[in-house]
Amino acid sequence: MNWPSHGGQPQTMKKLFNLEEEKEVLDFSANLNPLGPPGWLKNKLHHMYEKITYYPDPFYSRSARYLADYEGVAAEQILLTNGGAEAIFLAAKLCEKGKAIIVQPAFSEYERACRHYHVKTEYVFLKEQNGFQLPMEELLKKAGQANAVFLCRPNNPTGTVIQEESIINLLEKGLSTGTMIVVDEAFADFLPAEVPSLVRHLAHYPNLIVLRSLTKMYTIPGLRIGYMIGSKEVAGKLQEEQMPWSINALADAVVPDLLADTVFLGKTRKWLEQESEKVFTSLKEMGFSVTDSKVNFYLFQDAKAPDSTEELFGFLFKNGILTRHTHNFPGLEGRYIRAAIRSEQENNEFLKVLRNWREKR
């Protein structure tokens, strides 16, 4: 089957499974906040309409200042990007025609970006049998022979979080070998408050690059707002490589307001804590294995029939639940299903369909 490379494509999946276009499905395949966008955003964009008649500031100076204050760094360390995807491609540019290590399973765009810049890639796999833990000894050895290491924290698709101590060890190794450590924190806003960002380590590790996204938390994939944080030297170098005006004026205009909405952020984390506990407990009680996710998505499979994942995926979809396949995640090869945490009503429907699956087996 020609599986799509990303989630959030219900119409494409309906064609693959020969389902009617009109069939209603709940989309658990995209890791977006079901509470968003914030209620005020529509009115804000309406009042910013006239901005589309002007070129935006090519350096996005105002948004960069707000992001710098938010992250506790200098404005010169911030580079706004067209979503997290552009940030990934810019990071790959740093090791053009070199070599990169990608910690798998991971977002497919790391490899695509490396391929675009003729970067040779090698994988290090999170250990599935050990709860998807990072194999530090192997990674440290291979990192010393590469220009960059790409990893996702929290990891997509597992939702697990690599220990901060491991990242520090990797950064120390990179200092001695000239290796950049690129950490994608696209879903970091969903983490509990006690799991801080790695941004605070930039002062001591100029070989650290952190990639962030506002897309997921605020449910605005159509606005395409991301940013990267690095040393002033790295940010300045990549700004010269960036396409001019890659951020549109409306996206640039709403960044300060998004960062200021701490109430929305707190509401989201409270929702996630409640719903994820319910969903994970129910899944385990029904005999499904679930990754130790700390964010708004996770991997699961039927622990009683682990070879039935593709059948389970089809069963869910035909019963109105679209999840995310894992056929294009190296190291998983379709053995798991990724699902998002959605609203209470949607999660209840999801669990109901899974109970039907269990009853039929």
Protein backbone atom coordinates (compact mmCIF):
# COMPACT_ATOMS: atom_id res chain seq x y z
CA MET A 1 0.00 0.00 0.00
CA ASN A 2 1.21 3.51 -0.81
CA TRP A 3 1.01 4.92 2.70
CA PRO A 4 1.11 8.75 3.00
CA SER A 5 4.18 10.24 4.66
CA HIS A 6 2.32 12.36 7.23
CA GLY A 7 -0.82 12.30 9.34
CA GLY A 8 -3.82 14.57 8.92
CA GLN A 9 -4.80 13.30 5.46
CA PRO A 10 -8.24 11.71 5.88
CA GLN A 11 -9.30 12.08 2.24
CA THR A 12 -6.17 10.35 0.98
CA MET A 13 -6.67 7.53 3.46
CA LYS A 14 -10.33 7.12 2.45
CA LYS A 15 -9.22 6.49 -1.12
CA LEU A 16 -6.65 3.93 0.00
CA PHE A 17 -9.25 2.05 2.03
CA ASN A 18 -12.07 2.50 -0.51
CA LEU A 19 -14.22 4.45 1.92
CA GLU A 20 -16.84 6.97 0.84
CA GLU A 21 -15.60 10.56 0.79
CA GLU A 22 -18.64 11.59 2.84
CA LYS A 23 -17.88 9.14 5.66
CA GLU A 24 -17.30 11.01 8.90
CA VAL A 25 -14.09 10.15 10.69
CA LEU A 26 -12.39 11.43 13.82
CA ASP A 27 -8.80 12.35 13.01
CA PHE A 28 -6.38 10.97 15.60
CA SER A 29 -3.52 10.98 13.07
CA ALA A 30 -2.39 14.61 13.49
CA ASN A 31 -0.81 15.76 16.76
CA LEU A 32 -2.66 19.05 17.10
CA ASN A 33 -4.21 20.59 20.20
CA PRO A 34 -8.00 19.91 20.08
CA LEU A 35 -8.58 22.98 22.29
CA GLY A 36 -7.16 25.40 19.76
CA PRO A 37 -6.85 27.76 18.05
CA PRO A 38 -7.35 30.21 20.93
CA GLY A 39 -10.71 31.96 20.72
CA TRP A 40 -9.23 35.43 20.26
CA LEU A 41 -7.12 34.49 17.23
CA LYS A 42 -9.85 34.76 14.58
CA ASN A 43 -10.68 38.33 15.57
CA LYS A 44 -6.98 39.21 15.78
CA LEU A 45 -6.35 37.99 12.24
CA HIS A 46 -9.38 39.90 11.01
CA HIS A 47 -8.01 43.15 12.42
CA MET A 48 -4.59 42.39 10.95
CA TYR A 49 -6.03 41.94 7.47
CA GLU A 50 -4.48 45.12 6.09
CA LYS A 51 -1.00 43.73 6.79
CA ILE A 52 -1.25 41.54 3.69
CA THR A 53 -0.85 44.69 1.55
CA TYR A 54 2.67 45.31 2.93
CA TYR A 55 5.92 43.38 2.92
CA PRO A 56 6.75 42.14 6.40
CA ASP A 57 9.97 43.13 8.15
CA PRO A 58 12.50 40.78 6.48
CA PHE A 59 14.16 40.14 9.85
CA TYR A 60 10.87 39.82 11.81
CA SER A 61 12.53 41.94 14.48
CA ARG A 62 9.46 42.39 16.70
CA SER A 63 8.61 38.69 16.82
CA ALA A 64 12.27 37.80 17.36
CA ARG A 65 12.43 40.12 20.38
CA TYR A 66 9.31 38.61 21.91
CA LEU A 67 10.57 35.08 21.31
CA ALA A 68 13.95 35.99 22.77
CA ASP A 69 12.31 37.31 25.95
CA TYR A 70 10.11 34.22 26.11
CA GLU A 71 13.09 31.86 25.75
CA GLY A 72 15.56 33.89 27.82
CA VAL A 73 18.09 34.40 25.03
CA ALA A 74 19.32 37.28 22.85
CA ALA A 75 17.24 38.29 19.85
CA GLU A 76 20.25 37.54 17.62
CA GLN A 77 19.94 33.87 18.62
CA ILE A 78 16.39 33.58 17.24
CA LEU A 79 15.56 32.77 13.62
CA LEU A 80 11.88 32.65 12.66
CA THR A 81 11.03 29.93 10.15
CA ASN A 82 8.15 28.81 7.98
CA GLY A 83 7.00 26.19 10.46
CA GLY A 84 9.25 23.61 12.02
CA ALA A 85 9.98 22.11 8.60
CA GLU A 86 12.02 25.09 7.38
CA ALA A 87 13.97 25.05 10.63
CA ILE A 88 14.90 21.42 10.00
CA PHE A 89 16.07 22.16 6.46
CA LEU A 90 18.14 25.13 7.62
CA ALA A 91 19.79 22.99 10.29
CA ALA A 92 20.64 20.36 7.67
CA LYS A 93 22.30 23.07 5.57
CA LEU A 94 24.96 23.38 8.28
CA CYS A 95 26.31 19.92 7.45
CA GLU A 96 25.92 20.09 3.65
CA LYS A 97 27.77 17.21 1.92
CA GLY A 98 28.77 15.91 5.34
CA LYS A 99 27.35 13.22 7.60
CA ALA A 100 24.52 13.19 10.15
CA ILE A 101 23.24 10.73 12.70
CA ILE A 102 19.45 10.52 13.02
CA VAL A 103 18.00 9.02 16.19
CA GLN A 104 15.13 6.83 14.99
CA PRO A 105 12.19 6.41 14.92
CA ALA A 106 11.72 10.06 14.10
CA PHE A 107 9.98 12.64 11.95
CA SER A 108 10.74 11.85 8.30
CA GLU A 109 11.70 15.44 7.43
CA TYR A 110 15.13 15.10 9.10
CA GLU A 111 16.22 12.60 6.49
CA ARG A 112 14.51 14.46 3.67
CA ALA A 113 16.34 17.66 4.64
CA CYS A 114 19.66 15.83 4.82
CA ARG A 115 19.06 14.27 1.42
CA HIS A 116 18.31 17.71 -0.01
CA TYR A 117 21.74 18.93 1.09
CA HIS A 118 23.56 15.73 0.10
CA VAL A 119 24.21 14.76 3.71
CA LYS A 120 24.94 11.10 4.31
CA THR A 121 22.79 9.71 7.12
CA GLU A 122 23.22 6.89 9.59
CA TYR A 123 20.67 5.71 12.14
CA VAL A 124 20.84 5.03 15.84
CA PHE A 125 17.66 3.37 17.09
CA LEU A 126 15.87 3.94 20.36
CA LYS A 127 15.69 0.55 22.06
CA GLU A 128 12.14 -0.72 21.62
CA GLN A 129 12.57 -3.58 24.04
CA ASN A 130 13.75 -1.13 26.69
CA GLY A 131 10.91 1.36 26.50
CA PHE A 132 12.50 3.26 23.62
CA GLN A 133 15.53 4.36 25.60
CA LEU A 134 18.50 6.04 23.96
CA PRO A 135 21.56 3.75 23.44
CA MET A 136 24.09 6.27 24.71
CA GLU A 137 27.27 4.27 24.20
CA GLU A 138 26.48 3.61 20.55
CA LEU A 139 25.34 7.18 19.91
CA LEU A 140 28.39 8.78 21.52
CA LYS A 141 30.67 6.63 19.40
CA LYS A 142 28.92 7.46 16.14
CA ALA A 143 28.36 11.12 17.00
CA GLY A 144 32.09 11.70 17.08
CA GLN A 145 32.28 10.73 13.40
CA ALA A 146 29.46 13.00 12.22
CA ASN A 147 28.85 16.68 11.55
CA ALA A 148 25.49 16.65 13.27
CA VAL A 149 23.07 14.56 15.32
CA PHE A 150 19.32 15.00 14.82
CA LEU A 151 17.00 13.94 17.59
CA CYS A 152 13.49 14.74 18.71
CA ARG A 153 12.67 15.58 22.36
CA PRO A 154 9.91 14.73 23.08
CA ASN A 155 10.22 12.07 20.46
CA ASN A 156 7.80 11.81 17.59
CA PRO A 157 6.27 9.20 17.31
CA THR A 158 6.77 7.64 20.77
CA GLY A 159 6.06 10.71 22.93
CA THR A 160 8.92 9.69 25.21
CA VAL A 161 11.53 12.13 26.55
CA ILE A 162 15.28 11.53 26.34
CA GLN A 163 16.88 12.24 29.70
CA GLU A 164 18.51 15.64 30.00
CA GLU A 165 21.70 14.05 31.35
CA SER A 166 22.04 12.07 28.13
CA ILE A 167 21.72 15.23 26.05
CA ILE A 168 24.42 16.93 28.14
CA ASN A 169 26.77 13.97 27.60
CA LEU A 170 26.08 14.18 23.88
CA LEU A 171 26.75 17.94 23.84
CA GLU A 172 30.04 17.44 25.67
CA LYS A 173 31.08 14.86 23.10
CA GLY A 174 30.08 17.22 20.32
CA LEU A 175 32.24 20.01 21.70
CA SER A 176 35.32 17.84 21.39
CA THR A 177 34.49 16.51 17.93
CA GLY A 178 32.89 19.57 16.29
CA THR A 179 29.48 17.90 16.14
CA MET A 180 26.28 19.95 16.14
CA ILE A 181 23.42 18.55 18.24
CA VAL A 182 20.07 19.46 16.70
CA VAL A 183 17.16 18.92 19.10
CA ASP A 184 13.64 19.22 17.74
CA GLU A 185 11.36 20.47 20.51
CA ALA A 186 8.27 20.87 18.32
CA PHE A 187 6.05 19.34 21.02
CA ALA A 188 7.87 20.67 24.09
CA ASP A 189 5.00 23.00 25.00
CA PHE A 190 2.89 19.95 25.84
CA LEU A 191 5.42 18.63 28.36
CA PRO A 192 4.74 18.97 32.09
CA ALA A 193 6.23 22.14 33.58
CA GLU A 194 8.83 20.09 35.47
CA VAL A 195 10.42 19.02 32.16
CA PRO A 196 12.15 22.22 30.99
CA SER A 197 13.40 23.07 27.52
CA LEU A 198 17.04 22.55 26.65
CA VAL A 199 17.32 26.19 25.56
CA ARG A 200 18.90 27.19 28.86
CA HIS A 201 21.99 25.11 27.94
CA LEU A 202 22.79 27.25 24.90
CA ALA A 203 24.96 29.54 27.01
CA HIS A 204 27.39 26.68 27.64
CA TYR A 205 27.03 24.69 24.43
CA PRO A 206 27.43 26.62 21.16
CA ASN A 207 27.02 23.29 19.33
CA LEU A 208 23.36 23.06 20.42
CA ILE A 209 20.52 24.02 18.08
CA VAL A 210 16.93 23.88 19.33
CA LEU A 211 14.01 23.79 16.90
CA ARG A 212 10.59 24.96 18.07
CA SER A 213 7.09 25.25 16.61
CA LEU A 214 3.94 27.16 17.50
CA THR A 215 1.89 25.04 15.09
CA LYS A 216 1.04 22.15 17.41
CA MET A 217 0.08 23.88 20.63
CA TYR A 218 -2.08 26.55 19.00
CA THR A 219 -3.50 24.38 16.17
CA ILE A 220 -2.33 26.73 13.42
CA PRO A 221 -0.57 24.53 10.82
CA GLY A 222 -1.90 26.80 8.09
CA LEU A 223 -0.04 29.82 9.50
CA ARG A 224 3.34 28.05 9.52
CA ILE A 225 5.17 29.54 12.49
CA GLY A 226 8.36 27.96 13.74
CA TYR A 227 11.74 29.15 14.96
CA MET A 228 15.20 27.93 15.76
CA ILE A 229 17.49 28.95 18.58
CA GLY A 230 21.25 28.66 18.49
CA SER A 231 24.40 30.66 19.03
CA LYS A 232 24.51 34.14 17.48
CA GLU A 233 27.03 32.85 14.95
CA VAL A 234 24.86 29.92 13.85
CA ALA A 235 21.65 31.97 13.70
CA GLY A 236 23.39 34.70 11.71
CA LYS A 237 24.88 32.22 9.25
CA LEU A 238 21.56 30.49 8.64
CA GLN A 239 19.72 33.79 8.27
CA GLU A 240 21.91 34.45 5.24
CA GLU A 241 20.86 31.08 3.79
CA GLN A 242 17.16 31.57 4.47
CA MET A 243 14.76 32.45 1.67
CA PRO A 244 13.68 36.11 1.99
CA TRP A 245 10.24 36.72 3.51
CA SER A 246 9.64 33.06 4.29
CA ILE A 247 7.24 34.12 7.07
CA ASN A 248 4.03 35.85 6.05
CA ALA A 249 2.87 39.10 7.66
CA LEU A 250 -0.13 37.59 9.48
CA ALA A 251 1.98 34.88 11.11
CA ASP A 252 4.54 37.48 12.14
CA ALA A 253 1.82 39.69 13.61
CA VAL A 254 0.34 37.12 15.99
CA VAL A 255 3.53 35.73 17.55
CA PRO A 256 3.59 38.15 20.54
CA ASP A 257 -0.05 37.45 21.38
CA LEU A 258 0.40 33.69 21.18
CA LEU A 259 3.35 33.82 23.56
CA ALA A 260 1.40 36.02 25.98
CA ASP A 261 -1.53 33.60 26.26
CA THR A 262 -0.32 31.67 29.29
CA VAL A 263 -3.92 30.89 30.27
CA PHE A 264 -4.38 28.85 27.11
CA LEU A 265 -1.12 27.02 27.76
CA GLY A 266 -2.14 26.17 31.32
CA LYS A 267 -5.59 25.03 30.22
CA THR A 268 -4.05 22.76 27.61
CA ARG A 269 -1.67 21.11 30.05
CA LYS A 270 -4.49 20.51 32.53
CA TRP A 271 -6.64 18.96 29.79
CA LEU A 272 -3.78 16.78 28.63
CA GLU A 273 -2.98 15.48 32.11
CA GLN A 274 -6.59 14.45 32.69
CA GLU A 275 -7.29 12.92 29.28
CA SER A 276 -3.98 11.10 28.84
CA GLU A 277 -4.32 9.42 32.25
CA LYS A 278 -7.79 8.20 31.33
CA VAL A 279 -6.81 7.01 27.86
CA PHE A 280 -3.61 5.26 28.93
CA THR A 281 -5.30 3.53 31.86
CA SER A 282 -8.15 2.30 29.67
CA LEU A 283 -5.81 1.05 26.94
CA LYS A 284 -3.73 -0.93 29.40
CA GLU A 285 -6.81 -2.42 31.04
CA MET A 286 -7.93 -3.65 27.62
CA GLY A 287 -4.60 -5.32 26.96
CA PHE A 288 -2.88 -2.77 24.76
CA SER A 289 0.76 -1.79 25.21
CA VAL A 290 1.39 1.97 25.31
CA THR A 291 4.60 3.99 25.21
CA ASP A 292 5.49 6.13 28.21
CA SER A 293 4.43 9.32 26.46
CA LYS A 294 4.65 12.70 28.16
CA VAL A 295 2.82 14.63 25.45
CA ASN A 296 -0.33 14.60 23.33
CA PHE A 297 0.38 11.45 21.28
CA TYR A 298 1.71 7.94 21.82
CA LEU A 299 2.35 4.58 20.21
CA PHE A 300 0.23 1.55 20.97
CA GLN A 301 -0.34 -2.00 19.78
CA ASP A 302 -2.47 -4.95 20.80
CA ALA A 303 -0.25 -6.73 23.31
CA LYS A 304 -2.39 -9.85 22.94
CA ALA A 305 -1.95 -9.88 19.17
CA PRO A 306 1.07 -7.71 18.25
CA ASP A 307 1.10 -9.03 14.68
CA SER A 308 -2.40 -7.67 14.03
CA THR A 309 -1.49 -3.98 13.89
CA GLU A 310 -2.43 -3.44 10.25
CA GLU A 311 -5.73 -5.21 10.79
CA LEU A 312 -6.36 -3.06 13.86
CA PHE A 313 -5.56 0.10 11.91
CA GLY A 314 -8.11 -0.83 9.25
CA PHE A 315 -10.72 -1.77 11.86
CA LEU A 316 -10.37 1.61 13.56
CA PHE A 317 -10.60 3.52 10.29
CA LYS A 318 -13.63 1.65 9.01
CA ASN A 319 -15.28 2.43 12.34
CA GLY A 320 -14.63 6.16 12.03
CA ILE A 321 -11.24 6.50 13.76
CA LEU A 322 -8.25 7.59 11.67
CA THR A 323 -4.92 6.95 13.39
CA ARG A 324 -1.35 7.25 12.10
CA HIS A 325 0.41 4.28 10.56
CA THR A 326 4.12 3.76 11.32
CA HIS A 327 5.26 2.12 8.08
CA ASN A 328 7.60 5.01 7.25
CA PHE A 329 9.20 5.25 10.69
CA PRO A 330 12.52 3.36 10.54
CA GLY A 331 12.69 0.89 13.39
CA LEU A 332 8.92 0.49 13.62
CA GLU A 333 7.95 -0.70 10.13
CA GLY A 334 4.25 -0.62 10.88
CA ARG A 335 4.30 -2.65 14.11
CA TYR A 336 2.67 0.17 16.10
CA ILE A 337 -0.08 2.73 15.65
CA ARG A 338 0.36 6.36 16.64
CA ALA A 339 -2.65 8.16 18.06
CA ALA A 340 -3.25 11.63 19.41
CA ILE A 341 -4.99 12.58 22.63
CA ARG A 342 -8.16 14.35 21.51
CA SER A 343 -11.19 15.85 23.27
CA GLU A 344 -13.02 13.89 25.97
CA GLN A 345 -15.88 13.02 23.61
CA GLU A 346 -13.52 11.91 20.84
CA ASN A 347 -11.36 9.87 23.21
CA ASN A 348 -14.47 8.12 24.55
CA GLU A 349 -15.48 7.16 21.01
CA PHE A 350 -11.97 5.92 20.28
CA LEU A 351 -11.99 3.72 23.39
CA LYS A 352 -15.46 2.45 22.52
CA VAL A 353 -14.25 1.24 19.11
CA LEU A 354 -11.25 -0.45 20.72
CA ARG A 355 -13.55 -2.26 23.15
CA ASN A 356 -15.48 -3.55 20.14
CA TRP A 357 -12.20 -4.78 18.67
CA ARG A 358 -11.35 -6.59 21.88
CA GLU A 359 -14.78 -8.21 22.09
CA LYS A 360 -14.48 -9.58 18.58
CA ARG A 361 -11.14 -11.29 19.20
